[in-house]
Amino acid sequence: MSATEGARRRERQMQSPRSNRVNLAYNDAELTIVQEAAKRDGMAVSAWVARNALAVAKSQLVPVSADAREVLAELIRSRGELVRIGESAGSTGPCDGEPGTRLIEEAVRRVDRATLQLMRERASRW
């Protein structure tokens, strides 16, 4: 399937026709990335670029690198596991305040702080 074959077009705005055009240039590698993204979303390349550029400009879409997304996802997973470990240790293991429990609680607090900091940094771009 080509980039335009079967791809949906960007919605038209009847009250304000789009008469201004922007020309873009990509090298082969960049164009391949954009084409794959448009294909993934089932859109024509020009429609995908226009929609996403406008969303970023309006701060409706925050570009996040795959690395940052993975880091945040790992922090969220780690936090959940630490909470489960802490709950399990609290109910079957040492009493609150003992060294093992304190270490788990501190680890949960550190992961919480890191997760919240990343989320705040992302939210400020929304």
C-alpha atoms as a PDB file:
ATOM      1  CA  MET A   1       0.000   0.000   0.000  1.00  0.00           C
ATOM      2  CA  SER A   2       1.421   3.402  -0.939  1.00  0.00           C
ATOM      3  CA  ALA A   3       1.328   6.338   1.485  1.00  0.00           C
ATOM      4  CA  THR A   4      -1.880   7.669  -0.068  1.00  0.00           C
ATOM      5  CA  GLU A   5      -3.587   4.428  -1.059  1.00  0.00           C
ATOM      6  CA  GLY A   6      -6.383   3.767   1.411  1.00  0.00           C
ATOM      7  CA  ALA A   7      -5.058   6.415   3.796  1.00  0.00           C
ATOM      8  CA  ARG A   8      -7.495   8.811   5.336  1.00  0.00           C
ATOM      9  CA  ARG A   9      -7.190  12.497   4.742  1.00  0.00           C
ATOM     10  CA  ARG A  10      -7.062  15.243   7.333  1.00  0.00           C
ATOM     11  CA  GLU A  11     -10.461  16.698   8.204  1.00  0.00           C
ATOM     12  CA  ARG A  12     -11.422  19.850   6.367  1.00  0.00           C
ATOM     13  CA  GLN A  13     -12.468  22.957   8.260  1.00  0.00           C
ATOM     14  CA  MET A  14     -15.417  24.451   6.418  1.00  0.00           C
ATOM     15  CA  GLN A  15     -15.489  27.784   8.267  1.00  0.00           C
ATOM     16  CA  SER A  16     -11.872  28.538   7.410  1.00  0.00           C
ATOM     17  CA  PRO A  17     -10.431  27.136   4.182  1.00  0.00           C
ATOM     18  CA  ARG A  18      -6.775  26.108   4.224  1.00  0.00           C
ATOM     19  CA  SER A  19      -5.135  28.185   1.544  1.00  0.00           C
ATOM     20  CA  ASN A  20      -1.602  28.457   2.966  1.00  0.00           C
ATOM     21  CA  ARG A  21       0.937  25.815   2.038  1.00  0.00           C
ATOM     22  CA  VAL A  22       4.200  24.799   3.673  1.00  0.00           C
ATOM     23  CA  ASN A  23       6.933  22.928   1.840  1.00  0.00           C
ATOM     24  CA  LEU A  24       9.026  20.415   3.756  1.00  0.00           C
ATOM     25  CA  ALA A  25      12.178  18.568   2.827  1.00  0.00           C
ATOM     26  CA  TYR A  26      13.399  15.264   4.300  1.00  0.00           C
ATOM     27  CA  ASN A  27      16.344  13.051   3.541  1.00  0.00           C
ATOM     28  CA  ASP A  28      15.594   9.418   2.650  1.00  0.00           C
ATOM     29  CA  ALA A  29      15.879   8.137   6.237  1.00  0.00           C
ATOM     30  CA  GLU A  30      13.668  10.903   7.645  1.00  0.00           C
ATOM     31  CA  LEU A  31      11.051  10.397   4.945  1.00  0.00           C
ATOM     32  CA  THR A  32      10.938   6.678   5.683  1.00  0.00           C
ATOM     33  CA  ILE A  33      10.303   7.408   9.381  1.00  0.00           C
ATOM     34  CA  VAL A  34       7.498   9.867   8.546  1.00  0.00           C
ATOM     35  CA  GLN A  35       5.962   7.459   6.015  1.00  0.00           C
ATOM     36  CA  GLU A  36       5.960   4.631   8.568  1.00  0.00           C
ATOM     37  CA  ALA A  37       4.333   6.855  11.192  1.00  0.00           C
ATOM     38  CA  ALA A  38       1.638   7.965   8.749  1.00  0.00           C
ATOM     39  CA  LYS A  39       1.057   4.371   7.661  1.00  0.00           C
ATOM     40  CA  ARG A  40       0.805   3.245  11.298  1.00  0.00           C
ATOM     41  CA  ASP A  41      -1.955   5.847  11.840  1.00  0.00           C
ATOM     42  CA  GLY A  42      -3.644   5.046   8.520  1.00  0.00           C
ATOM     43  CA  MET A  43      -3.106   8.530   7.127  1.00  0.00           C
ATOM     44  CA  ALA A  44      -1.606  10.139   4.064  1.00  0.00           C
ATOM     45  CA  VAL A  45       1.881  11.513   4.776  1.00  0.00           C
ATOM     46  CA  SER A  46       0.917  15.162   4.206  1.00  0.00           C
ATOM     47  CA  ALA A  47      -2.171  14.797   6.416  1.00  0.00           C
ATOM     48  CA  TRP A  48      -0.148  13.131   9.166  1.00  0.00           C
ATOM     49  CA  VAL A  49       2.549  15.821   9.090  1.00  0.00           C
ATOM     50  CA  ALA A  50      -0.021  18.643   9.061  1.00  0.00           C
ATOM     51  CA  ARG A  51      -2.084  17.174  11.914  1.00  0.00           C
ATOM     52  CA  ASN A  52       0.909  16.469  14.142  1.00  0.00           C
ATOM     53  CA  ALA A  53       2.709  19.747  13.451  1.00  0.00           C
ATOM     54  CA  LEU A  54      -0.423  21.696  14.382  1.00  0.00           C
ATOM     55  CA  ALA A  55      -0.996  19.579  17.505  1.00  0.00           C
ATOM     56  CA  VAL A  56       2.583  20.215  18.675  1.00  0.00           C
ATOM     57  CA  ALA A  57       2.257  23.936  17.942  1.00  0.00           C
ATOM     58  CA  LYS A  58      -0.968  24.080  20.000  1.00  0.00           C
ATOM     59  CA  SER A  59       0.719  22.091  22.804  1.00  0.00           C
ATOM     60  CA  GLN A  60      -1.889  19.350  22.376  1.00  0.00           C
ATOM     61  CA  LEU A  61       0.786  16.802  21.547  1.00  0.00           C
ATOM     62  CA  VAL A  62       4.080  16.554  23.383  1.00  0.00           C
ATOM     63  CA  PRO A  63       6.828  14.802  21.477  1.00  0.00           C
ATOM     64  CA  VAL A  64       8.489  12.274  23.767  1.00  0.00           C
ATOM     65  CA  SER A  65      11.449  10.197  22.753  1.00  0.00           C
ATOM     66  CA  ALA A  66      11.086   6.448  22.907  1.00  0.00           C
ATOM     67  CA  ASP A  67      13.818   6.433  25.574  1.00  0.00           C
ATOM     68  CA  ALA A  68      11.938   8.828  27.862  1.00  0.00           C
ATOM     69  CA  ARG A  69       8.731   6.880  27.384  1.00  0.00           C
ATOM     70  CA  GLU A  70      10.530   3.647  28.323  1.00  0.00           C
ATOM     71  CA  VAL A  71      12.108   5.252  31.406  1.00  0.00           C
ATOM     72  CA  LEU A  72       8.747   6.513  32.634  1.00  0.00           C
ATOM     73  CA  ALA A  73       7.092   3.157  31.974  1.00  0.00           C
ATOM     74  CA  GLU A  74       9.860   1.373  33.900  1.00  0.00           C
ATOM     75  CA  LEU A  75       9.538   3.771  36.823  1.00  0.00           C
ATOM     76  CA  ILE A  76       5.798   3.173  36.960  1.00  0.00           C
ATOM     77  CA  ARG A  77       6.313  -0.610  36.842  1.00  0.00           C
ATOM     78  CA  SER A  78       9.039  -0.428  39.511  1.00  0.00           C
ATOM     79  CA  ARG A  79       6.852   1.664  41.770  1.00  0.00           C
ATOM     80  CA  GLY A  80       4.020  -0.841  41.529  1.00  0.00           C
ATOM     81  CA  GLU A  81       6.338  -3.731  42.309  1.00  0.00           C
ATOM     82  CA  LEU A  82       7.894  -1.914  45.254  1.00  0.00           C
ATOM     83  CA  VAL A  83       4.457  -1.164  46.665  1.00  0.00           C
ATOM     84  CA  ARG A  84       3.499  -4.848  46.348  1.00  0.00           C
ATOM     85  CA  ILE A  85       6.772  -5.929  47.987  1.00  0.00           C
ATOM     86  CA  GLY A  86       6.253  -3.426  50.787  1.00  0.00           C
ATOM     87  CA  GLU A  87       2.690  -4.581  51.383  1.00  0.00           C
ATOM     88  CA  SER A  88       3.794  -8.200  51.361  1.00  0.00           C
ATOM     89  CA  ALA A  89       6.701  -7.569  53.743  1.00  0.00           C
ATOM     90  CA  GLY A  90       4.474  -5.556  56.051  1.00  0.00           C
ATOM     91  CA  SER A  91       1.898  -8.322  56.347  1.00  0.00           C
ATOM     92  CA  THR A  92       4.185 -11.360  56.481  1.00  0.00           C
ATOM     93  CA  GLY A  93       7.572 -10.037  57.465  1.00  0.00           C
ATOM     94  CA  PRO A  94       9.173  -7.654  59.900  1.00  0.00           C
ATOM     95  CA  CYS A  95       7.198  -5.089  61.848  1.00  0.00           C
ATOM     96  CA  ASP A  96       6.982  -1.491  60.651  1.00  0.00           C
ATOM     97  CA  GLY A  97      10.100   0.428  61.450  1.00  0.00           C
ATOM     98  CA  GLU A  98      12.493  -2.515  61.145  1.00  0.00           C
ATOM     99  CA  PRO A  99      15.466  -2.038  58.779  1.00  0.00           C
ATOM    100  CA  GLY A 100      14.051  -4.099  55.855  1.00  0.00           C
ATOM    101  CA  THR A 101      10.713  -2.305  55.901  1.00  0.00           C
ATOM    102  CA  ARG A 102      12.384   1.108  56.160  1.00  0.00           C
ATOM    103  CA  LEU A 103      14.560   0.323  53.137  1.00  0.00           C
ATOM    104  CA  ILE A 104      11.525  -0.707  51.097  1.00  0.00           C
ATOM    105  CA  GLU A 105       9.612   2.416  52.157  1.00  0.00           C
ATOM    106  CA  GLU A 106      12.572   4.622  51.218  1.00  0.00           C
ATOM    107  CA  ALA A 107      12.898   2.888  47.828  1.00  0.00           C
ATOM    108  CA  VAL A 108       9.190   3.496  47.169  1.00  0.00           C
ATOM    109  CA  ARG A 109       9.606   7.190  48.102  1.00  0.00           C
ATOM    110  CA  ARG A 110      12.614   7.568  45.764  1.00  0.00           C
ATOM    111  CA  VAL A 111      10.800   5.926  42.847  1.00  0.00           C
ATOM    112  CA  ASP A 112       7.706   8.045  43.603  1.00  0.00           C
ATOM    113  CA  ARG A 113       9.764  11.260  43.553  1.00  0.00           C
ATOM    114  CA  ALA A 114      11.492  10.303  40.294  1.00  0.00           C
ATOM    115  CA  THR A 115       8.201   9.292  38.659  1.00  0.00           C
ATOM    116  CA  LEU A 116       6.422  12.461  39.746  1.00  0.00           C
ATOM    117  CA  GLN A 117       9.351  14.600  38.574  1.00  0.00           C
ATOM    118  CA  LEU A 118       9.275  13.013  35.102  1.00  0.00           C
ATOM    119  CA  MET A 119       5.496  13.387  34.946  1.00  0.00           C
ATOM    120  CA  ARG A 120       5.745  17.067  35.958  1.00  0.00           C
ATOM    121  CA  GLU A 121       8.388  17.681  33.287  1.00  0.00           C
ATOM    122  CA  ARG A 122       6.147  16.082  30.674  1.00  0.00           C
ATOM    123  CA  ALA A 123       3.025  17.905  31.911  1.00  0.00           C
ATOM    124  CA  SER A 124       4.707  21.305  31.629  1.00  0.00           C
ATOM    125  CA  ARG A 125       4.966  20.659  27.877  1.00  0.00           C
ATOM    126  CA  TRP A 126       1.293  19.692  27.505  1.00  0.00           C
END
